Amino acid sequence: MRLDHVQVSCPPGGEEVARAFYRDALGMTELEKPPLLKARGGCWFRAGTAEVHVGVEQDFQPAKKAHPALAVDDLDALAEKLEKRGCPVTWDNETIPGRRRFHTTDGHGNRVEIL
């Protein structure tokens, strides 16, 4: 078994905000959605084998606890890039021994862990 993708939500019309975070800030590549799903809105992204699907939710509430966790090669460089873009970076290197990580939020307030 392997994880295929994680899905987070955004409000209607929130795709450009999602692109600004997942594509522009994190450097993920936007994927073409299948035609039948394209009509529902949202957008999909991939980097390596990690996929994040952003779906439109009418009664959107940001995920404050549930989150994707993305592993990157240069944690410090990405933290610096996100901070320069105004994204919050909250380090947590104590909770899990031996694991450097931080939490941030996408443009809609969904929690994202970077390790």
N, C-alpha and C. Protein backbone atom coordinates (compact mmCIF):
# COMPACT_ATOMS: atom_id res chain seq x y z
N MET A 1 0.84 -1.17 0.00
CA MET A 1 0.00 0.00 0.00
C MET A 1 0.89 1.23 0.00
N ARG A 2 0.42 2.26 -0.68
CA ARG A 2 1.10 3.55 -0.65
C ARG A 2 0.05 4.65 -0.70
N LEU A 3 0.40 5.79 -0.21
CA LEU A 3 -0.50 6.93 -0.23
C LEU A 3 -0.50 7.53 -1.63
N ASP A 4 -1.67 7.72 -2.20
CA ASP A 4 -1.77 8.30 -3.54
C ASP A 4 -1.83 9.82 -3.49
N HIS A 5 -2.68 10.37 -2.64
CA HIS A 5 -2.78 11.83 -2.51
C HIS A 5 -3.48 12.18 -1.20
N VAL A 6 -3.39 13.44 -0.83
CA VAL A 6 -4.20 13.98 0.26
C VAL A 6 -5.04 15.10 -0.34
N GLN A 7 -6.19 15.33 0.26
CA GLN A 7 -7.04 16.42 -0.21
C GLN A 7 -7.26 17.40 0.92
N VAL A 8 -7.15 18.66 0.57
CA VAL A 8 -7.51 19.76 1.45
C VAL A 8 -8.61 20.54 0.75
N SER A 9 -9.26 21.41 1.48
CA SER A 9 -10.38 22.15 0.91
C SER A 9 -10.08 23.63 0.79
N CYS A 10 -10.87 24.26 -0.05
CA CYS A 10 -10.84 25.71 -0.18
C CYS A 10 -12.27 26.18 -0.41
N PRO A 11 -12.53 27.45 -0.19
CA PRO A 11 -13.87 27.97 -0.46
C PRO A 11 -14.08 28.13 -1.97
N PRO A 12 -15.31 28.27 -2.41
CA PRO A 12 -15.57 28.52 -3.83
C PRO A 12 -14.76 29.73 -4.31
N GLY A 13 -14.11 29.57 -5.46
CA GLY A 13 -13.30 30.65 -6.03
C GLY A 13 -11.91 30.76 -5.42
N GLY A 14 -11.51 29.80 -4.58
CA GLY A 14 -10.24 29.88 -3.88
C GLY A 14 -9.05 29.27 -4.60
N GLU A 15 -9.21 28.90 -5.86
CA GLU A 15 -8.13 28.22 -6.57
C GLU A 15 -6.86 29.07 -6.72
N GLU A 16 -6.98 30.36 -6.99
CA GLU A 16 -5.78 31.18 -7.18
C GLU A 16 -4.98 31.31 -5.88
N VAL A 17 -5.68 31.38 -4.76
CA VAL A 17 -4.99 31.42 -3.47
C VAL A 17 -4.27 30.09 -3.24
N ALA A 18 -4.91 28.98 -3.59
CA ALA A 18 -4.27 27.66 -3.48
C ALA A 18 -3.04 27.58 -4.38
N ARG A 19 -3.15 28.07 -5.60
CA ARG A 19 -2.00 28.06 -6.52
C ARG A 19 -0.84 28.89 -5.97
N ALA A 20 -1.15 30.02 -5.38
CA ALA A 20 -0.10 30.88 -4.83
C ALA A 20 0.70 30.14 -3.75
N PHE A 21 0.05 29.26 -3.01
CA PHE A 21 0.75 28.53 -1.96
C PHE A 21 1.39 27.24 -2.50
N TYR A 22 0.58 26.34 -3.04
CA TYR A 22 1.10 25.02 -3.42
C TYR A 22 2.01 25.08 -4.65
N ARG A 23 1.67 25.88 -5.63
CA ARG A 23 2.50 25.98 -6.83
C ARG A 23 3.65 26.96 -6.64
N ASP A 24 3.31 28.19 -6.25
CA ASP A 24 4.31 29.25 -6.22
C ASP A 24 5.21 29.19 -4.98
N ALA A 25 4.63 29.01 -3.80
CA ALA A 25 5.45 29.00 -2.58
C ALA A 25 6.15 27.66 -2.35
N LEU A 26 5.41 26.55 -2.51
CA LEU A 26 6.02 25.24 -2.28
C LEU A 26 6.74 24.70 -3.50
N GLY A 27 6.44 25.23 -4.69
CA GLY A 27 7.12 24.77 -5.90
C GLY A 27 6.55 23.50 -6.48
N MET A 28 5.32 23.14 -6.13
CA MET A 28 4.69 21.96 -6.70
C MET A 28 4.22 22.27 -8.12
N THR A 29 4.08 21.24 -8.92
CA THR A 29 3.61 21.39 -10.30
C THR A 29 2.10 21.17 -10.32
N GLU A 30 1.38 22.07 -10.98
CA GLU A 30 -0.07 21.88 -11.09
C GLU A 30 -0.36 20.82 -12.13
N LEU A 31 -1.27 19.92 -11.80
CA LEU A 31 -1.68 18.85 -12.69
C LEU A 31 -3.00 19.20 -13.37
N GLU A 32 -3.19 18.69 -14.55
CA GLU A 32 -4.46 18.85 -15.27
C GLU A 32 -5.48 17.90 -14.63
N LYS A 33 -6.60 18.43 -14.20
CA LYS A 33 -7.65 17.58 -13.63
C LYS A 33 -8.41 16.88 -14.74
N PRO A 34 -8.93 15.67 -14.49
CA PRO A 34 -9.76 15.00 -15.49
C PRO A 34 -10.98 15.86 -15.82
N PRO A 35 -11.43 15.82 -17.09
CA PRO A 35 -12.52 16.70 -17.52
C PRO A 35 -13.77 16.65 -16.63
N LEU A 36 -14.19 15.49 -16.19
CA LEU A 36 -15.39 15.42 -15.36
C LEU A 36 -15.19 16.06 -13.99
N LEU A 37 -13.96 16.07 -13.50
CA LEU A 37 -13.69 16.68 -12.20
C LEU A 37 -13.38 18.17 -12.31
N LYS A 38 -12.91 18.59 -13.47
CA LYS A 38 -12.57 20.00 -13.68
C LYS A 38 -13.76 20.91 -13.42
N ALA A 39 -14.95 20.45 -13.78
CA ALA A 39 -16.16 21.26 -13.62
C ALA A 39 -16.48 21.52 -12.15
N ARG A 40 -15.96 20.71 -11.24
CA ARG A 40 -16.22 20.89 -9.81
C ARG A 40 -15.35 21.98 -9.19
N GLY A 41 -14.36 22.46 -9.94
CA GLY A 41 -13.43 23.45 -9.40
C GLY A 41 -12.31 22.76 -8.66
N GLY A 42 -11.48 23.54 -8.03
CA GLY A 42 -10.34 23.01 -7.31
C GLY A 42 -9.13 22.86 -8.22
N CYS A 43 -8.04 22.35 -7.67
CA CYS A 43 -6.81 22.16 -8.44
C CYS A 43 -5.96 21.09 -7.76
N TRP A 44 -5.10 20.45 -8.57
CA TRP A 44 -4.25 19.37 -8.08
C TRP A 44 -2.79 19.74 -8.29
N PHE A 45 -1.93 19.27 -7.38
CA PHE A 45 -0.50 19.57 -7.45
C PHE A 45 0.32 18.33 -7.14
N ARG A 46 1.54 18.29 -7.70
CA ARG A 46 2.46 17.17 -7.43
C ARG A 46 3.89 17.68 -7.33
N ALA A 47 4.65 17.05 -6.42
CA ALA A 47 6.10 17.23 -6.34
C ALA A 47 6.64 15.86 -5.96
N GLY A 48 7.49 15.28 -6.80
CA GLY A 48 7.95 13.91 -6.57
C GLY A 48 6.76 12.97 -6.60
N THR A 49 6.58 12.19 -5.55
CA THR A 49 5.41 11.29 -5.49
C THR A 49 4.28 11.88 -4.65
N ALA A 50 4.48 13.07 -4.10
CA ALA A 50 3.47 13.69 -3.24
C ALA A 50 2.45 14.45 -4.09
N GLU A 51 1.18 14.15 -3.89
CA GLU A 51 0.10 14.89 -4.55
C GLU A 51 -0.81 15.50 -3.50
N VAL A 52 -1.18 16.75 -3.74
CA VAL A 52 -2.17 17.45 -2.93
C VAL A 52 -3.29 17.87 -3.86
N HIS A 53 -4.50 17.46 -3.53
CA HIS A 53 -5.68 17.86 -4.29
C HIS A 53 -6.43 18.89 -3.46
N VAL A 54 -6.74 20.00 -4.06
CA VAL A 54 -7.49 21.05 -3.38
C VAL A 54 -8.90 21.03 -3.95
N GLY A 55 -9.87 20.71 -3.11
CA GLY A 55 -11.26 20.62 -3.54
C GLY A 55 -12.07 21.77 -2.99
N VAL A 56 -13.07 22.16 -3.75
CA VAL A 56 -13.94 23.26 -3.35
C VAL A 56 -15.03 22.72 -2.42
N GLU A 57 -15.20 23.41 -1.31
CA GLU A 57 -16.20 23.03 -0.33
C GLU A 57 -17.09 24.25 -0.05
N GLN A 58 -18.39 24.11 -0.27
CA GLN A 58 -19.31 25.24 -0.12
C GLN A 58 -19.26 25.82 1.29
N ASP A 59 -19.32 24.98 2.30
CA ASP A 59 -19.28 25.44 3.70
C ASP A 59 -17.88 25.28 4.25
N PHE A 60 -16.92 25.86 3.58
CA PHE A 60 -15.51 25.68 3.90
C PHE A 60 -15.15 26.10 5.32
N GLN A 61 -14.40 25.25 5.99
CA GLN A 61 -13.77 25.55 7.27
C GLN A 61 -12.34 25.03 7.16
N PRO A 62 -11.32 25.84 7.46
CA PRO A 62 -9.95 25.35 7.34
C PRO A 62 -9.66 24.20 8.30
N ALA A 63 -8.82 23.28 7.85
CA ALA A 63 -8.40 22.15 8.70
C ALA A 63 -7.29 22.65 9.62
N LYS A 64 -7.57 22.72 10.89
CA LYS A 64 -6.61 23.23 11.86
C LYS A 64 -5.76 22.12 12.47
N LYS A 65 -6.24 20.88 12.44
CA LYS A 65 -5.51 19.75 13.02
C LYS A 65 -5.07 18.78 11.91
N ALA A 66 -6.02 18.26 11.13
CA ALA A 66 -5.69 17.36 10.02
C ALA A 66 -4.81 18.11 9.03
N HIS A 67 -3.82 17.40 8.44
CA HIS A 67 -2.90 18.10 7.56
C HIS A 67 -2.08 17.14 6.71
N PRO A 68 -1.65 17.60 5.54
CA PRO A 68 -0.62 16.85 4.82
C PRO A 68 0.73 17.16 5.44
N ALA A 69 1.64 16.20 5.39
CA ALA A 69 3.02 16.40 5.85
C ALA A 69 3.91 16.14 4.65
N LEU A 70 4.67 17.13 4.25
CA LEU A 70 5.49 17.05 3.05
C LEU A 70 6.97 17.07 3.43
N ALA A 71 7.71 16.08 2.95
CA ALA A 71 9.15 16.00 3.21
C ALA A 71 9.89 16.72 2.09
N VAL A 72 10.83 17.57 2.46
CA VAL A 72 11.60 18.34 1.48
C VAL A 72 13.10 18.14 1.73
N ASP A 73 13.90 18.44 0.72
CA ASP A 73 15.35 18.28 0.83
C ASP A 73 16.01 19.40 1.64
N ASP A 74 15.50 20.62 1.54
CA ASP A 74 16.13 21.75 2.23
C ASP A 74 15.08 22.48 3.07
N LEU A 75 14.91 21.99 4.28
CA LEU A 75 13.89 22.51 5.19
C LEU A 75 14.11 23.98 5.51
N ASP A 76 15.36 24.36 5.78
CA ASP A 76 15.64 25.75 6.16
C ASP A 76 15.36 26.71 5.01
N ALA A 77 15.74 26.33 3.79
CA ALA A 77 15.50 27.20 2.63
C ALA A 77 14.01 27.40 2.40
N LEU A 78 13.23 26.34 2.53
CA LEU A 78 11.79 26.48 2.32
C LEU A 78 11.17 27.32 3.43
N ALA A 79 11.61 27.13 4.66
CA ALA A 79 11.08 27.96 5.76
C ALA A 79 11.35 29.43 5.49
N GLU A 80 12.55 29.73 5.05
CA GLU A 80 12.91 31.12 4.73
C GLU A 80 12.05 31.67 3.59
N LYS A 81 11.87 30.87 2.55
CA LYS A 81 11.05 31.30 1.40
C LYS A 81 9.61 31.58 1.84
N LEU A 82 9.05 30.69 2.66
CA LEU A 82 7.67 30.88 3.12
C LEU A 82 7.55 32.13 3.99
N GLU A 83 8.51 32.32 4.89
CA GLU A 83 8.47 33.51 5.74
C GLU A 83 8.54 34.79 4.92
N LYS A 84 9.37 34.80 3.87
CA LYS A 84 9.47 35.98 3.00
C LYS A 84 8.16 36.25 2.27
N ARG A 85 7.38 35.20 2.03
CA ARG A 85 6.08 35.35 1.37
C ARG A 85 4.97 35.67 2.37
N GLY A 86 5.31 35.77 3.65
CA GLY A 86 4.31 36.10 4.67
C GLY A 86 3.58 34.91 5.25
N CYS A 87 4.04 33.71 4.94
CA CYS A 87 3.42 32.50 5.50
C CYS A 87 3.96 32.26 6.90
N PRO A 88 3.12 31.82 7.83
CA PRO A 88 3.62 31.53 9.17
C PRO A 88 4.51 30.29 9.15
N VAL A 89 5.55 30.30 9.94
CA VAL A 89 6.44 29.15 10.11
C VAL A 89 6.61 28.93 11.60
N THR A 90 6.09 27.82 12.11
CA THR A 90 6.17 27.48 13.51
C THR A 90 6.97 26.20 13.65
N TRP A 91 8.19 26.32 14.14
CA TRP A 91 9.08 25.18 14.29
C TRP A 91 8.64 24.29 15.44
N ASP A 92 8.80 22.98 15.26
CA ASP A 92 8.52 22.00 16.31
C ASP A 92 9.54 20.87 16.17
N ASN A 93 10.70 21.06 16.78
CA ASN A 93 11.77 20.07 16.69
C ASN A 93 11.88 19.22 17.95
N GLU A 94 10.98 19.41 18.91
CA GLU A 94 11.06 18.70 20.17
C GLU A 94 10.03 17.58 20.30
N THR A 95 8.88 17.72 19.68
CA THR A 95 7.78 16.78 19.89
C THR A 95 8.14 15.36 19.45
N ILE A 96 8.77 15.23 18.30
CA ILE A 96 9.17 13.92 17.78
C ILE A 96 10.70 13.89 17.76
N PRO A 97 11.31 13.16 18.67
CA PRO A 97 12.78 13.14 18.74
C PRO A 97 13.41 12.78 17.39
N GLY A 98 14.42 13.57 17.02
CA GLY A 98 15.15 13.31 15.78
C GLY A 98 14.48 13.81 14.51
N ARG A 99 13.37 14.48 14.63
CA ARG A 99 12.67 14.96 13.44
C ARG A 99 12.58 16.48 13.46
N ARG A 100 13.22 17.12 12.48
CA ARG A 100 13.10 18.58 12.32
C ARG A 100 11.87 18.83 11.46
N ARG A 101 11.06 19.76 11.90
CA ARG A 101 9.84 20.07 11.14
C ARG A 101 9.30 21.42 11.55
N PHE A 102 8.42 21.94 10.69
CA PHE A 102 7.65 23.12 11.04
C PHE A 102 6.25 22.99 10.47
N HIS A 103 5.37 23.81 11.01
CA HIS A 103 4.01 23.88 10.50
C HIS A 103 3.80 25.26 9.89
N THR A 104 2.97 25.29 8.87
CA THR A 104 2.57 26.53 8.24
C THR A 104 1.09 26.38 7.89
N THR A 105 0.54 27.35 7.22
CA THR A 105 -0.83 27.23 6.72
C THR A 105 -0.84 27.69 5.27
N ASP A 106 -1.73 27.06 4.50
CA ASP A 106 -1.90 27.53 3.13
C ASP A 106 -2.70 28.83 3.17
N GLY A 107 -2.97 29.42 2.05
CA GLY A 107 -3.66 30.70 1.99
C GLY A 107 -5.08 30.69 2.53
N HIS A 108 -5.62 29.49 2.77
CA HIS A 108 -6.97 29.38 3.30
C HIS A 108 -6.99 28.97 4.76
N GLY A 109 -5.81 28.86 5.38
CA GLY A 109 -5.74 28.52 6.79
C GLY A 109 -5.63 27.03 7.09
N ASN A 110 -5.50 26.19 6.05
CA ASN A 110 -5.31 24.75 6.28
C ASN A 110 -3.89 24.50 6.78
N ARG A 111 -3.76 23.69 7.81
CA ARG A 111 -2.46 23.35 8.39
C ARG A 111 -1.66 22.47 7.41
N VAL A 112 -0.37 22.73 7.29
CA VAL A 112 0.54 21.94 6.47
C VAL A 112 1.82 21.74 7.27
N GLU A 113 2.27 20.49 7.38
CA GLU A 113 3.52 20.19 8.05
C GLU A 113 4.61 20.00 7.00
N ILE A 114 5.77 20.55 7.27
CA ILE A 114 6.92 20.40 6.38
C ILE A 114 8.04 19.78 7.21
N LEU A 115 8.61 18.68 6.70
CA LEU A 115 9.70 18.02 7.42
C LEU A 115 10.81 17.63 6.46
